[in-house]
PDB file of N, CA and C in Angstrom:
ATOM      1  N   MET A   1      -8.785  11.457 -21.861  1.00  0.00           N
ATOM      2  CA  MET A   1     -10.013  11.013 -21.823  1.00  0.00           C
ATOM      3  C   MET A   1     -10.783  10.846 -20.389  1.00  0.00           C
ATOM      4  N   ASP A   2     -12.006  11.375 -20.389  1.00  0.00           N
ATOM      5  CA  ASP A   2     -12.382  11.487 -19.014  1.00  0.00           C
ATOM      6  C   ASP A   2     -13.159  10.135 -18.610  1.00  0.00           C
ATOM      7  N   TYR A   3     -12.810   9.833 -17.418  1.00  0.00           N
ATOM      8  CA  TYR A   3     -13.343   8.177 -16.802  1.00  0.00           C
ATOM      9  C   TYR A   3     -14.194   8.639 -15.549  1.00  0.00           C
ATOM     10  N   PRO A   4     -15.290   7.721 -15.398  1.00  0.00           N
ATOM     11  CA  PRO A   4     -15.772   8.108 -14.084  1.00  0.00           C
ATOM     12  C   PRO A   4     -15.082   7.724 -12.767  1.00  0.00           C
ATOM     13  N   GLU A   5     -15.056   8.603 -11.868  1.00  0.00           N
ATOM     14  CA  GLU A   5     -14.113   8.295 -10.518  1.00  0.00           C
ATOM     15  C   GLU A   5     -14.351   6.894  -9.882  1.00  0.00           C
ATOM     16  N   SER A   6     -15.547   6.220 -10.114  1.00  0.00           N
ATOM     17  CA  SER A   6     -15.941   5.061  -9.614  1.00  0.00           C
ATOM     18  C   SER A   6     -17.154   4.445 -10.223  1.00  0.00           C
ATOM     19  N   TYR A   7     -17.382   3.207 -10.048  1.00  0.00           N
ATOM     20  CA  TYR A   7     -18.256   2.196 -10.545  1.00  0.00           C
ATOM     21  C   TYR A   7     -18.533   1.230  -9.482  1.00  0.00           C
ATOM     22  N   GLU A   8     -20.151   0.845  -9.699  1.00  0.00           N
ATOM     23  CA  GLU A   8     -20.774  -0.204  -9.079  1.00  0.00           C
ATOM     24  C   GLU A   8     -20.284  -1.419  -9.901  1.00  0.00           C
ATOM     25  N   LEU A   9     -19.679  -2.362  -9.483  1.00  0.00           N
ATOM     26  CA  LEU A   9     -19.729  -3.896 -10.264  1.00  0.00           C
ATOM     27  C   LEU A   9     -20.699  -4.500  -9.740  1.00  0.00           C
ATOM     28  N   ILE A  10     -21.640  -4.816 -10.291  1.00  0.00           N
ATOM     29  CA  ILE A  10     -22.822  -5.897  -9.857  1.00  0.00           C
ATOM     30  C   ILE A  10     -22.626  -7.057 -10.210  1.00  0.00           C
ATOM     31  N   PHE A  11     -22.745  -8.113  -9.320  1.00  0.00           N
ATOM     32  CA  PHE A  11     -22.348  -9.479  -9.628  1.00  0.00           C
ATOM     33  C   PHE A  11     -23.802 -10.346  -9.223  1.00  0.00           C
ATOM     34  N   GLN A  12     -24.137 -11.473  -9.889  1.00  0.00           N
ATOM     35  CA  GLN A  12     -25.119 -12.169  -9.538  1.00  0.00           C
ATOM     36  C   GLN A  12     -24.870 -13.037  -8.333  1.00  0.00           C
ATOM     37  N   ALA A  13     -25.549 -12.921  -7.523  1.00  0.00           N
ATOM     38  CA  ALA A  13     -25.380 -14.034  -6.039  1.00  0.00           C
ATOM     39  C   ALA A  13     -26.511 -15.023  -6.131  1.00  0.00           C
ATOM     40  N   THR A  14     -26.136 -16.038  -5.448  1.00  0.00           N
ATOM     41  CA  THR A  14     -26.841 -17.176  -5.314  1.00  0.00           C
ATOM     42  C   THR A  14     -27.906 -17.054  -4.294  1.00  0.00           C
ATOM     43  N   GLY A  15     -28.104 -15.775  -3.737  1.00  0.00           N
ATOM     44  CA  GLY A  15     -29.326 -15.484  -2.684  1.00  0.00           C
ATOM     45  C   GLY A  15     -30.366 -14.717  -3.313  1.00  0.00           C
ATOM     46  N   ALA A  16     -31.058 -14.141  -2.658  1.00  0.00           N
ATOM     47  CA  ALA A  16     -32.112 -13.192  -3.216  1.00  0.00           C
ATOM     48  C   ALA A  16     -31.732 -11.786  -3.851  1.00  0.00           C
ATOM     49  N   THR A  17     -30.277 -11.209  -3.214  1.00  0.00           N
ATOM     50  CA  THR A  17     -29.658  -9.981  -3.846  1.00  0.00           C
ATOM     51  C   THR A  17     -28.782 -10.312  -4.560  1.00  0.00           C
ATOM     52  N   ASP A  18     -28.386  -9.258  -5.165  1.00  0.00           N
ATOM     53  CA  ASP A  18     -27.083  -9.432  -5.919  1.00  0.00           C
ATOM     54  C   ASP A  18     -26.019  -8.696  -5.063  1.00  0.00           C
ATOM     55  N   ASP A  19     -24.573  -9.060  -5.369  1.00  0.00           N
ATOM     56  CA  ASP A  19     -23.590  -8.398  -4.734  1.00  0.00           C
ATOM     57  C   ASP A  19     -23.072  -7.306  -5.531  1.00  0.00           C
ATOM     58  N   VAL A  20     -22.726  -6.467  -4.741  1.00  0.00           N
ATOM     59  CA  VAL A  20     -22.492  -5.080  -5.160  1.00  0.00           C
ATOM     60  C   VAL A  20     -21.023  -4.401  -4.743  1.00  0.00           C
ATOM     61  N   VAL A  21     -20.131  -4.214  -5.275  1.00  0.00           N
ATOM     62  CA  VAL A  21     -18.897  -3.683  -5.169  1.00  0.00           C
ATOM     63  C   VAL A  21     -18.464  -2.413  -5.742  1.00  0.00           C
ATOM     64  N   VAL A  22     -18.185  -1.569  -5.043  1.00  0.00           N
ATOM     65  CA  VAL A  22     -17.654  -0.162  -5.257  1.00  0.00           C
ATOM     66  C   VAL A  22     -16.334  -0.179  -5.819  1.00  0.00           C
ATOM     67  N   VAL A  23     -15.891   0.189  -6.943  1.00  0.00           N
ATOM     68  CA  VAL A  23     -14.534   0.176  -7.122  1.00  0.00           C
ATOM     69  C   VAL A  23     -14.071   1.894  -7.837  1.00  0.00           C
ATOM     70  N   ARG A  24     -12.781   2.028  -7.390  1.00  0.00           N
ATOM     71  CA  ARG A  24     -12.439   3.697  -7.505  1.00  0.00           C
ATOM     72  C   ARG A  24     -11.222   3.736  -8.865  1.00  0.00           C
ATOM     73  N   LEU A  25     -11.527   4.452  -9.298  1.00  0.00           N
ATOM     74  CA  LEU A  25     -10.079   4.737 -10.349  1.00  0.00           C
ATOM     75  C   LEU A  25      -8.534   4.725  -9.745  1.00  0.00           C
ATOM     76  N   THR A  26      -7.843   4.110 -10.407  1.00  0.00           N
ATOM     77  CA  THR A  26      -6.637   3.986  -9.830  1.00  0.00           C
ATOM     78  C   THR A  26      -5.667   4.729 -11.226  1.00  0.00           C
ATOM     79  N   ALA A  27      -4.172   4.769 -10.914  1.00  0.00           N
ATOM     80  CA  ALA A  27      -3.334   5.375 -11.757  1.00  0.00           C
ATOM     81  C   ALA A  27      -2.629   4.332 -12.869  1.00  0.00           C
ATOM     82  N   ARG A  28      -3.126   2.975 -12.768  1.00  0.00           N
ATOM     83  CA  ARG A  28      -2.953   2.155 -13.361  1.00  0.00           C
ATOM     84  C   ARG A  28      -3.758   1.640 -14.481  1.00  0.00           C
ATOM     85  N   SER A  29      -2.982   1.181 -15.485  1.00  0.00           N
ATOM     86  CA  SER A  29      -3.994   0.667 -16.777  1.00  0.00           C
ATOM     87  C   SER A  29      -3.670  -0.514 -17.193  1.00  0.00           C
ATOM     88  N   GLY A  30      -4.692  -1.475 -17.389  1.00  0.00           N
ATOM     89  CA  GLY A  30      -4.713  -2.667 -17.859  1.00  0.00           C
ATOM     90  C   GLY A  30      -4.061  -3.160 -19.107  1.00  0.00           C
ATOM     91  N   ALA A  31      -4.210  -4.481 -19.190  1.00  0.00           N
ATOM     92  CA  ALA A  31      -3.483  -4.920 -20.637  1.00  0.00           C
ATOM     93  C   ALA A  31      -4.264  -4.362 -21.767  1.00  0.00           C
ATOM     94  N   GLY A  32      -5.556  -4.000 -21.825  1.00  0.00           N
ATOM     95  CA  GLY A  32      -6.279  -3.312 -23.235  1.00  0.00           C
ATOM     96  C   GLY A  32      -6.142  -1.840 -22.989  1.00  0.00           C
ATOM     97  N   GLY A  33      -5.181  -1.437 -22.127  1.00  0.00           N
ATOM     98  CA  GLY A  33      -5.214   0.044 -22.215  1.00  0.00           C
ATOM     99  C   GLY A  33      -5.976   1.121 -21.537  1.00  0.00           C
ATOM    100  N   ASN A  34      -6.998   0.528 -20.889  1.00  0.00           N
ATOM    101  CA  ASN A  34      -7.986   1.117 -20.211  1.00  0.00           C
ATOM    102  C   ASN A  34      -7.580   1.074 -18.634  1.00  0.00           C
ATOM    103  N   PRO A  35      -8.379   2.106 -17.912  1.00  0.00           N
ATOM    104  CA  PRO A  35      -7.972   2.333 -16.591  1.00  0.00           C
ATOM    105  C   PRO A  35      -8.375   1.240 -15.779  1.00  0.00           C
ATOM    106  N   VAL A  36      -7.558   0.812 -14.540  1.00  0.00           N
ATOM    107  CA  VAL A  36      -8.120  -0.228 -13.675  1.00  0.00           C
ATOM    108  C   VAL A  36      -8.724   0.501 -12.350  1.00  0.00           C
ATOM    109  N   TYR A  37      -9.623  -0.075 -12.044  1.00  0.00           N
ATOM    110  CA  TYR A  37     -10.368   0.313 -10.828  1.00  0.00           C
ATOM    111  C   TYR A  37     -10.158  -0.695 -10.000  1.00  0.00           C
ATOM    112  N   GLU A  38     -10.158  -0.560  -8.557  1.00  0.00           N
ATOM    113  CA  GLU A  38     -10.116  -1.378  -7.480  1.00  0.00           C
ATOM    114  C   GLU A  38     -10.848  -0.995  -6.142  1.00  0.00           C
ATOM    115  N   ASP A  39     -11.526  -1.933  -5.382  1.00  0.00           N
ATOM    116  CA  ASP A  39     -12.156  -1.731  -4.192  1.00  0.00           C
ATOM    117  C   ASP A  39     -11.448  -1.211  -3.168  1.00  0.00           C
ATOM    118  N   GLU A  40     -11.946  -0.928  -1.997  1.00  0.00           N
ATOM    119  CA  GLU A  40     -11.020  -0.203  -0.751  1.00  0.00           C
ATOM    120  C   GLU A  40      -9.937  -1.346  -0.287  1.00  0.00           C
ATOM    121  N   THR A  41     -10.240  -2.697  -0.537  1.00  0.00           N
ATOM    122  CA  THR A  41      -9.414  -3.637  -0.065  1.00  0.00           C
ATOM    123  C   THR A  41      -8.181  -3.904  -0.814  1.00  0.00           C
ATOM    124  N   GLY A  42      -8.368  -3.385  -2.295  1.00  0.00           N
ATOM    125  CA  GLY A  42      -7.318  -3.808  -3.288  1.00  0.00           C
ATOM    126  C   GLY A  42      -7.586  -5.501  -4.061  1.00  0.00           C
ATOM    127  N   ILE A  43      -8.534  -5.966  -3.471  1.00  0.00           N
ATOM    128  CA  ILE A  43      -8.706  -7.562  -3.923  1.00  0.00           C
ATOM    129  C   ILE A  43      -9.639  -7.405  -5.074  1.00  0.00           C
ATOM    130  N   VAL A  44     -10.612  -6.842  -5.346  1.00  0.00           N
ATOM    131  CA  VAL A  44     -11.334  -6.807  -6.370  1.00  0.00           C
ATOM    132  C   VAL A  44     -10.872  -5.477  -7.381  1.00  0.00           C
ATOM    133  N   ARG A  45     -10.344  -5.847  -8.467  1.00  0.00           N
ATOM    134  CA  ARG A  45      -9.936  -4.967  -9.439  1.00  0.00           C
ATOM    135  C   ARG A  45     -10.668  -5.396 -10.832  1.00  0.00           C
ATOM    136  N   ALA A  46     -10.517  -4.665 -11.353  1.00  0.00           N
ATOM    137  CA  ALA A  46     -11.529  -4.290 -13.073  1.00  0.00           C
ATOM    138  C   ALA A  46     -10.817  -3.386 -13.693  1.00  0.00           C
ATOM    139  N   GLU A  47     -10.574  -3.815 -15.201  1.00  0.00           N
ATOM    140  CA  GLU A  47     -10.244  -2.916 -16.123  1.00  0.00           C
ATOM    141  C   GLU A  47     -11.313  -2.698 -16.731  1.00  0.00           C
ATOM    142  N   ILE A  48     -11.725  -1.347 -16.836  1.00  0.00           N
ATOM    143  CA  ILE A  48     -12.966  -0.730 -17.495  1.00  0.00           C
ATOM    144  C   ILE A  48     -13.243  -0.006 -18.520  1.00  0.00           C
ATOM    145  N   SER A  49     -13.414  -0.312 -19.675  1.00  0.00           N
ATOM    146  CA  SER A  49     -13.136   0.723 -20.908  1.00  0.00           C
ATOM    147  C   SER A  49     -14.494   1.736 -20.858  1.00  0.00           C
ATOM    148  N   GLU A  50     -13.902   2.800 -21.673  1.00  0.00           N
ATOM    149  CA  GLU A  50     -15.136   3.945 -21.801  1.00  0.00           C
ATOM    150  C   GLU A  50     -16.611   3.238 -22.334  1.00  0.00           C
ATOM    151  N   ARG A  51     -16.504   2.276 -22.733  1.00  0.00           N
ATOM    152  CA  ARG A  51     -18.057   1.716 -23.093  1.00  0.00           C
ATOM    153  C   ARG A  51     -18.729   0.884 -22.144  1.00  0.00           C
ATOM    154  N   GLY A  52     -17.805   0.831 -20.891  1.00  0.00           N
ATOM    155  CA  GLY A  52     -18.362   0.026 -19.724  1.00  0.00           C
ATOM    156  C   GLY A  52     -18.150  -1.639 -19.794  1.00  0.00           C
ATOM    157  N   GLU A  53     -17.347  -1.782 -20.761  1.00  0.00           N
ATOM    158  CA  GLU A  53     -16.754  -3.142 -20.963  1.00  0.00           C
ATOM    159  C   GLU A  53     -15.673  -3.532 -19.648  1.00  0.00           C
ATOM    160  N   VAL A  54     -15.914  -4.891 -18.909  1.00  0.00           N
ATOM    161  CA  VAL A  54     -15.315  -5.244 -17.689  1.00  0.00           C
ATOM    162  C   VAL A  54     -14.251  -6.181 -17.986  1.00  0.00           C
ATOM    163  N   ARG A  55     -13.429  -6.239 -17.864  1.00  0.00           N
ATOM    164  CA  ARG A  55     -12.287  -7.200 -17.846  1.00  0.00           C
ATOM    165  C   ARG A  55     -11.830  -7.434 -16.035  1.00  0.00           C
ATOM    166  N   MET A  56     -12.048  -8.522 -15.504  1.00  0.00           N
ATOM    167  CA  MET A  56     -11.257  -8.679 -14.077  1.00  0.00           C
ATOM    168  C   MET A  56      -9.942  -8.858 -14.160  1.00  0.00           C
ATOM    169  N   VAL A  57      -9.269  -8.355 -13.324  1.00  0.00           N
ATOM    170  CA  VAL A  57      -7.929  -8.473 -13.035  1.00  0.00           C
ATOM    171  C   VAL A  57      -7.614  -9.031 -11.757  1.00  0.00           C
ATOM    172  N   ALA A  58      -6.628 -10.331 -11.962  1.00  0.00           N
ATOM    173  CA  ALA A  58      -6.383 -10.686 -10.801  1.00  0.00           C
ATOM    174  C   ALA A  58      -5.736  -9.962  -9.667  1.00  0.00           C
ATOM    175  N   SER A  59      -6.027 -10.260  -8.293  1.00  0.00           N
ATOM    176  CA  SER A  59      -5.011  -9.501  -7.286  1.00  0.00           C
ATOM    177  C   SER A  59      -3.960 -10.303  -6.552  1.00  0.00           C
ATOM    178  N   GLY A  60      -4.239 -11.647  -6.924  1.00  0.00           N
ATOM    179  CA  GLY A  60      -3.410 -12.473  -6.067  1.00  0.00           C
ATOM    180  C   GLY A  60      -3.519 -14.144  -6.757  1.00  0.00           C
ATOM    181  N   GLY A  61      -2.687 -14.980  -6.323  1.00  0.00           N
ATOM    182  CA  GLY A  61      -2.732 -16.299  -7.042  1.00  0.00           C
ATOM    183  C   GLY A  61      -4.048 -17.165  -6.465  1.00  0.00           C
ATOM    184  N   HIS A  62      -4.337 -17.998  -7.378  1.00  0.00           N
ATOM    185  CA  HIS A  62      -5.660 -18.762  -6.912  1.00  0.00           C
ATOM    186  C   HIS A  62      -6.573 -18.130  -7.075  1.00  0.00           C
ATOM    187  N   GLN A  63      -6.753 -16.826  -7.366  1.00  0.00           N
ATOM    188  CA  GLN A  63      -7.949 -16.066  -7.465  1.00  0.00           C
ATOM    189  C   GLN A  63      -8.984 -16.570  -8.471  1.00  0.00           C
ATOM    190  N   VAL A  64     -10.259 -16.784  -8.038  1.00  0.00           N
ATOM    191  CA  VAL A  64     -11.257 -17.162  -9.208  1.00  0.00           C
ATOM    192  C   VAL A  64     -12.126 -15.768  -9.588  1.00  0.00           C
ATOM    193  N   LEU A  65     -12.045 -15.385 -10.734  1.00  0.00           N
ATOM    194  CA  LEU A  65     -12.684 -14.227 -11.148  1.00  0.00           C
ATOM    195  C   LEU A  65     -13.733 -14.119 -11.714  1.00  0.00           C
ATOM    196  N   GLY A  66     -14.763 -13.785 -10.771  1.00  0.00           N
ATOM    197  CA  GLY A  66     -16.360 -13.553 -11.369  1.00  0.00           C
ATOM    198  C   GLY A  66     -16.519 -12.537 -12.390  1.00  0.00           C
ATOM    199  N   VAL A  67     -17.479 -12.674 -13.166  1.00  0.00           N
ATOM    200  CA  VAL A  67     -17.661 -11.659 -14.416  1.00  0.00           C
ATOM    201  C   VAL A  67     -18.927 -10.954 -13.834  1.00  0.00           C
ATOM    202  N   PRO A  68     -19.041  -9.588 -13.517  1.00  0.00           N
ATOM    203  CA  PRO A  68     -19.921  -8.694 -13.375  1.00  0.00           C
ATOM    204  C   PRO A  68     -21.375  -8.765 -14.284  1.00  0.00           C
ATOM    205  N   LEU A  69     -22.529  -8.409 -13.885  1.00  0.00           N
ATOM    206  CA  LEU A  69     -23.605  -8.475 -14.694  1.00  0.00           C
ATOM    207  C   LEU A  69     -23.460  -7.053 -15.273  1.00  0.00           C
ATOM    208  N   LEU A  70     -23.189  -5.956 -14.601  1.00  0.00           N
ATOM    209  CA  LEU A  70     -23.238  -4.597 -14.879  1.00  0.00           C
ATOM    210  C   LEU A  70     -22.429  -3.888 -14.467  1.00  0.00           C
ATOM    211  N   ALA A  71     -21.575  -3.036 -15.013  1.00  0.00           N
ATOM    212  CA  ALA A  71     -20.576  -1.867 -14.277  1.00  0.00           C
ATOM    213  C   ALA A  71     -21.617  -0.476 -14.293  1.00  0.00           C
ATOM    214  N   ARG A  72     -21.898  -0.076 -13.547  1.00  0.00           N
ATOM    215  CA  ARG A  72     -22.748   1.054 -13.482  1.00  0.00           C
ATOM    216  C   ARG A  72     -21.912   2.350 -12.760  1.00  0.00           C
ATOM    217  N   PRO A  73     -21.455   3.168 -13.529  1.00  0.00           N
ATOM    218  CA  PRO A  73     -20.669   4.487 -13.330  1.00  0.00           C
ATOM    219  C   PRO A  73     -21.312   5.154 -12.353  1.00  0.00           C
ATOM    220  N   LEU A  74     -20.701   5.557 -11.264  1.00  0.00           N
ATOM    221  CA  LEU A  74     -21.173   6.620 -10.255  1.00  0.00           C
ATOM    222  C   LEU A  74     -21.147   7.984 -10.653  1.00  0.00           C
ATOM    223  N   THR A  75     -22.252   8.494  -9.975  1.00  0.00           N
ATOM    224  CA  THR A  75     -22.453  10.092 -10.605  1.00  0.00           C
ATOM    225  C   THR A  75     -21.433  11.138 -10.252  1.00  0.00           C
ATOM    226  N   HIS A  76     -20.595  11.097  -9.300  1.00  0.00           N
ATOM    227  CA  HIS A  76     -19.759  12.038  -8.364  1.00  0.00           C
ATOM    228  C   HIS A  76     -18.432  12.081  -9.403  1.00  0.00           C
ATOM    229  N   GLY A  77     -18.356  13.159  -9.968  1.00  0.00           N
ATOM    230  CA  GLY A  77     -17.226  13.447 -10.785  1.00  0.00           C
ATOM    231  C   GLY A  77     -16.526  12.451 -11.784  1.00  0.00           C
ATOM    232  N   ALA A  78     -15.390  12.980 -12.282  1.00  0.00           N
ATOM    233  CA  ALA A  78     -14.935  12.140 -13.414  1.00  0.00           C
ATOM    234  C   ALA A  78     -13.220  12.750 -13.443  1.00  0.00           C
ATOM    235  N   ARG A  79     -12.512  11.893 -13.863  1.00  0.00           N
ATOM    236  CA  ARG A  79     -11.184  12.270 -13.874  1.00  0.00           C
ATOM    237  C   ARG A  79     -10.486  12.247 -15.404  1.00  0.00           C
ATOM    238  N   ARG A  80      -9.533  12.678 -15.817  1.00  0.00           N
ATOM    239  CA  ARG A  80      -9.055  12.643 -16.784  1.00  0.00           C
ATOM    240  C   ARG A  80      -7.843  12.015 -16.854  1.00  0.00           C
ATOM    241  N   THR A  81      -7.578  10.760 -17.804  1.00  0.00           N
ATOM    242  CA  THR A  81      -6.386  10.055 -17.560  1.00  0.00           C
ATOM    243  C   THR A  81      -5.826  10.068 -18.969  1.00  0.00           C
ATOM    244  N   GLY A  82      -4.457   9.735 -19.108  1.00  0.00           N
ATOM    245  CA  GLY A  82      -3.805   9.526 -20.401  1.00  0.00           C
ATOM    246  C   GLY A  82      -3.399  11.048 -21.006  1.00  0.00           C
TER     247      GLY A  82
END
């Protein structure tokens, strides 16, 4: 299956603009069998289905996971997994 190489996760912020985090495809799969994406720090992790459904994945203890409003695939390239 082909998955986008990266996504923008858009979170609603309390200020005037939304928070946007870019996550990239990893070699891991989540509990639902979909690929896991993470940001460059490894802190923000998300399992994203082929339909764009997002399940946030904890990267450490006591982490409070927000749910993004939108997962927008970035247009550069795709990688086949599975």
